[in-house]
N, C-alpha and C. Protein backbone atom coordinates (compact mmCIF):
# COMPACT_ATOMS: atom_id res chain seq x y z
N MET A 1 -35.67 0.91 5.14
CA MET A 1 -34.85 1.10 3.96
C MET A 1 -35.32 2.32 3.18
N GLU A 2 -36.61 2.46 3.05
CA GLU A 2 -37.16 3.59 2.30
C GLU A 2 -36.88 4.91 3.00
N VAL A 3 -36.92 4.91 4.33
CA VAL A 3 -36.66 6.14 5.09
C VAL A 3 -35.21 6.59 4.88
N VAL A 4 -34.27 5.65 4.92
CA VAL A 4 -32.86 5.99 4.70
C VAL A 4 -32.66 6.51 3.29
N ALA A 5 -33.27 5.86 2.32
CA ALA A 5 -33.15 6.31 0.93
C ALA A 5 -33.71 7.72 0.77
N ASP A 6 -34.84 7.99 1.40
CA ASP A 6 -35.43 9.34 1.34
C ASP A 6 -34.52 10.38 1.99
N ARG A 7 -33.98 10.05 3.16
CA ARG A 7 -33.09 10.99 3.85
C ARG A 7 -31.82 11.26 3.04
N ALA A 8 -31.33 10.23 2.36
CA ALA A 8 -30.11 10.38 1.56
C ALA A 8 -30.41 10.92 0.17
N ARG A 9 -31.70 11.03 -0.15
CA ARG A 9 -32.14 11.52 -1.47
C ARG A 9 -31.60 10.65 -2.61
N ILE A 10 -31.70 9.34 -2.39
CA ILE A 10 -31.31 8.37 -3.42
C ILE A 10 -32.44 7.37 -3.59
N THR A 11 -32.38 6.59 -4.65
CA THR A 11 -33.42 5.58 -4.88
C THR A 11 -33.17 4.38 -3.98
N ARG A 12 -34.21 3.59 -3.80
CA ARG A 12 -34.06 2.36 -3.01
C ARG A 12 -33.12 1.39 -3.71
N GLN A 13 -33.11 1.43 -5.04
CA GLN A 13 -32.20 0.55 -5.79
C GLN A 13 -30.74 0.92 -5.51
N THR A 14 -30.45 2.22 -5.45
CA THR A 14 -29.09 2.65 -5.15
C THR A 14 -28.71 2.28 -3.72
N LEU A 15 -29.64 2.43 -2.80
CA LEU A 15 -29.38 2.03 -1.42
C LEU A 15 -29.11 0.53 -1.33
N ALA A 16 -29.84 -0.26 -2.10
CA ALA A 16 -29.60 -1.70 -2.11
C ALA A 16 -28.19 -2.00 -2.62
N LYS A 17 -27.73 -1.23 -3.61
CA LYS A 17 -26.36 -1.41 -4.12
C LYS A 17 -25.34 -1.07 -3.03
N VAL A 18 -25.62 -0.01 -2.28
CA VAL A 18 -24.73 0.37 -1.17
C VAL A 18 -24.67 -0.77 -0.15
N GLU A 19 -25.81 -1.33 0.19
CA GLU A 19 -25.86 -2.42 1.16
C GLU A 19 -25.09 -3.65 0.69
N ARG A 20 -25.09 -3.88 -0.62
CA ARG A 20 -24.35 -5.02 -1.18
C ARG A 20 -22.87 -4.74 -1.35
N GLY A 21 -22.48 -3.47 -1.21
CA GLY A 21 -21.08 -3.10 -1.41
C GLY A 21 -20.71 -2.99 -2.88
N ASP A 22 -21.69 -2.68 -3.71
CA ASP A 22 -21.47 -2.56 -5.16
C ASP A 22 -20.44 -1.47 -5.44
N THR A 23 -19.39 -1.84 -6.19
CA THR A 23 -18.31 -0.89 -6.48
C THR A 23 -18.68 0.15 -7.52
N SER A 24 -19.84 0.02 -8.15
CA SER A 24 -20.25 1.03 -9.14
C SER A 24 -20.84 2.27 -8.48
N VAL A 25 -21.09 2.21 -7.17
CA VAL A 25 -21.65 3.33 -6.44
C VAL A 25 -20.52 4.26 -6.01
N SER A 26 -20.69 5.55 -6.22
CA SER A 26 -19.63 6.52 -5.89
C SER A 26 -19.46 6.67 -4.38
N ILE A 27 -18.27 7.09 -4.01
CA ILE A 27 -17.97 7.31 -2.59
C ILE A 27 -18.85 8.41 -2.01
N GLY A 28 -19.27 9.34 -2.86
CA GLY A 28 -20.17 10.40 -2.41
C GLY A 28 -21.51 9.86 -1.95
N ILE A 29 -22.01 8.85 -2.65
CA ILE A 29 -23.28 8.22 -2.25
C ILE A 29 -23.10 7.50 -0.92
N TYR A 30 -21.97 6.80 -0.76
CA TYR A 30 -21.71 6.13 0.52
C TYR A 30 -21.67 7.16 1.65
N ALA A 31 -21.02 8.30 1.42
CA ALA A 31 -20.94 9.35 2.43
C ALA A 31 -22.32 9.91 2.74
N THR A 32 -23.14 10.08 1.72
CA THR A 32 -24.50 10.59 1.91
C THR A 32 -25.33 9.62 2.75
N VAL A 33 -25.21 8.34 2.49
CA VAL A 33 -25.94 7.33 3.27
C VAL A 33 -25.43 7.33 4.71
N MET A 34 -24.12 7.42 4.88
CA MET A 34 -23.57 7.46 6.24
C MET A 34 -24.09 8.69 7.00
N HIS A 35 -24.20 9.81 6.30
CA HIS A 35 -24.75 11.02 6.92
C HIS A 35 -26.20 10.80 7.32
N ALA A 36 -26.97 10.18 6.44
CA ALA A 36 -28.39 9.92 6.73
C ALA A 36 -28.55 9.00 7.93
N LEU A 37 -27.58 8.12 8.15
CA LEU A 37 -27.63 7.19 9.28
C LEU A 37 -26.97 7.75 10.54
N GLY A 38 -26.41 8.97 10.43
CA GLY A 38 -25.73 9.56 11.58
C GLY A 38 -24.35 8.98 11.82
N LEU A 39 -23.75 8.43 10.77
CA LEU A 39 -22.44 7.78 10.91
C LEU A 39 -21.32 8.50 10.17
N ILE A 40 -21.57 9.72 9.72
CA ILE A 40 -20.59 10.42 8.90
C ILE A 40 -19.26 10.60 9.63
N ASP A 41 -19.28 10.72 10.96
CA ASP A 41 -18.03 10.87 11.70
C ASP A 41 -17.17 9.62 11.66
N LYS A 42 -17.73 8.50 11.24
CA LYS A 42 -16.99 7.24 11.13
C LYS A 42 -16.29 7.09 9.78
N LEU A 43 -16.53 8.00 8.86
CA LEU A 43 -15.96 7.89 7.51
C LEU A 43 -14.43 7.84 7.54
N GLY A 44 -13.82 8.59 8.43
CA GLY A 44 -12.36 8.59 8.54
C GLY A 44 -11.80 7.28 9.04
N ASP A 45 -12.62 6.46 9.70
CA ASP A 45 -12.16 5.17 10.21
C ASP A 45 -11.75 4.22 9.09
N VAL A 46 -12.26 4.44 7.90
CA VAL A 46 -11.93 3.57 6.77
C VAL A 46 -10.43 3.61 6.50
N ALA A 47 -9.82 4.78 6.63
CA ALA A 47 -8.39 4.92 6.36
C ALA A 47 -7.53 4.31 7.46
N ASN A 48 -8.10 4.07 8.62
CA ASN A 48 -7.34 3.54 9.76
C ASN A 48 -7.78 2.13 10.13
N ASP A 49 -8.14 1.34 9.15
CA ASP A 49 -8.63 -0.01 9.39
C ASP A 49 -7.45 -0.97 9.51
N PRO A 50 -7.16 -1.49 10.72
CA PRO A 50 -6.00 -2.37 10.88
C PRO A 50 -6.13 -3.68 10.10
N MET A 51 -7.33 -4.20 9.94
CA MET A 51 -7.52 -5.44 9.19
C MET A 51 -7.18 -5.22 7.72
N ALA A 52 -7.62 -4.10 7.15
CA ALA A 52 -7.31 -3.80 5.76
C ALA A 52 -5.81 -3.62 5.57
N SER A 53 -5.16 -2.97 6.52
CA SER A 53 -3.70 -2.79 6.44
C SER A 53 -2.99 -4.13 6.47
N MET A 54 -3.45 -5.03 7.32
CA MET A 54 -2.84 -6.35 7.42
C MET A 54 -3.01 -7.12 6.10
N LEU A 55 -4.20 -7.06 5.52
CA LEU A 55 -4.44 -7.75 4.25
C LEU A 55 -3.60 -7.17 3.13
N GLU A 56 -3.43 -5.85 3.11
CA GLU A 56 -2.58 -5.22 2.11
C GLU A 56 -1.14 -5.66 2.27
N ASP A 57 -0.66 -5.74 3.51
CA ASP A 57 0.71 -6.17 3.76
C ASP A 57 0.94 -7.61 3.31
N GLU A 58 -0.05 -8.47 3.53
CA GLU A 58 0.07 -9.87 3.11
C GLU A 58 0.11 -10.00 1.59
N ALA A 59 -0.51 -9.07 0.89
CA ALA A 59 -0.55 -9.13 -0.57
C ALA A 59 0.75 -8.67 -1.21
N LEU A 60 1.59 -7.98 -0.44
CA LEU A 60 2.87 -7.51 -0.98
C LEU A 60 3.80 -8.69 -1.24
N PRO A 61 4.67 -8.56 -2.24
CA PRO A 61 5.62 -9.66 -2.50
C PRO A 61 6.56 -9.82 -1.31
N LYS A 62 6.88 -11.05 -0.99
CA LYS A 62 7.74 -11.33 0.16
C LYS A 62 9.20 -11.03 -0.14
N ARG A 63 9.59 -11.26 -1.38
CA ARG A 63 10.98 -11.07 -1.74
C ARG A 63 11.04 -10.64 -3.20
N ILE A 64 11.89 -9.71 -3.47
CA ILE A 64 12.06 -9.27 -4.85
C ILE A 64 13.47 -9.64 -5.28
N ARG A 65 13.54 -10.37 -6.37
CA ARG A 65 14.82 -10.83 -6.88
C ARG A 65 15.59 -9.65 -7.48
N ALA A 66 16.88 -9.58 -7.16
CA ALA A 66 17.73 -8.51 -7.69
C ALA A 66 17.96 -8.73 -9.19
N ARG A 67 18.09 -7.63 -9.89
CA ARG A 67 18.37 -7.72 -11.33
C ARG A 67 19.78 -8.24 -11.55
N LYS A 68 19.92 -9.03 -12.60
CA LYS A 68 21.24 -9.54 -12.95
C LYS A 68 22.02 -8.44 -13.64
N LYS A 69 23.29 -8.37 -13.32
CA LYS A 69 24.15 -7.39 -13.96
C LYS A 69 24.54 -7.91 -15.34
N VAL A 70 24.53 -7.02 -16.29
CA VAL A 70 24.94 -7.38 -17.65
C VAL A 70 26.42 -7.04 -17.75
N SER A 71 27.21 -8.04 -18.09
CA SER A 71 28.65 -7.79 -18.18
C SER A 71 28.98 -7.11 -19.49
N GLU A 72 29.84 -6.13 -19.39
CA GLU A 72 30.26 -5.41 -20.59
C GLU A 72 31.47 -6.10 -21.19
N SER A 73 31.42 -6.39 -22.47
CA SER A 73 32.54 -7.08 -23.12
C SER A 73 33.37 -6.15 -23.94
């Protein structure tokens, strides 16, 4: 853990946050850690995650009710 933190030039506390998936850590820090681990080429895979796409699709509303027309008198 200390070696990765040193290579990424971050504190061990920040690395621990990265490992926990803490949302307060910037994407730049995640990229730096991935580079230190030799995984930077995998960064683009995040955008092509089929599981995440499926979960996003399930969260969409199934049906949207049409607006009622207001009759003009």
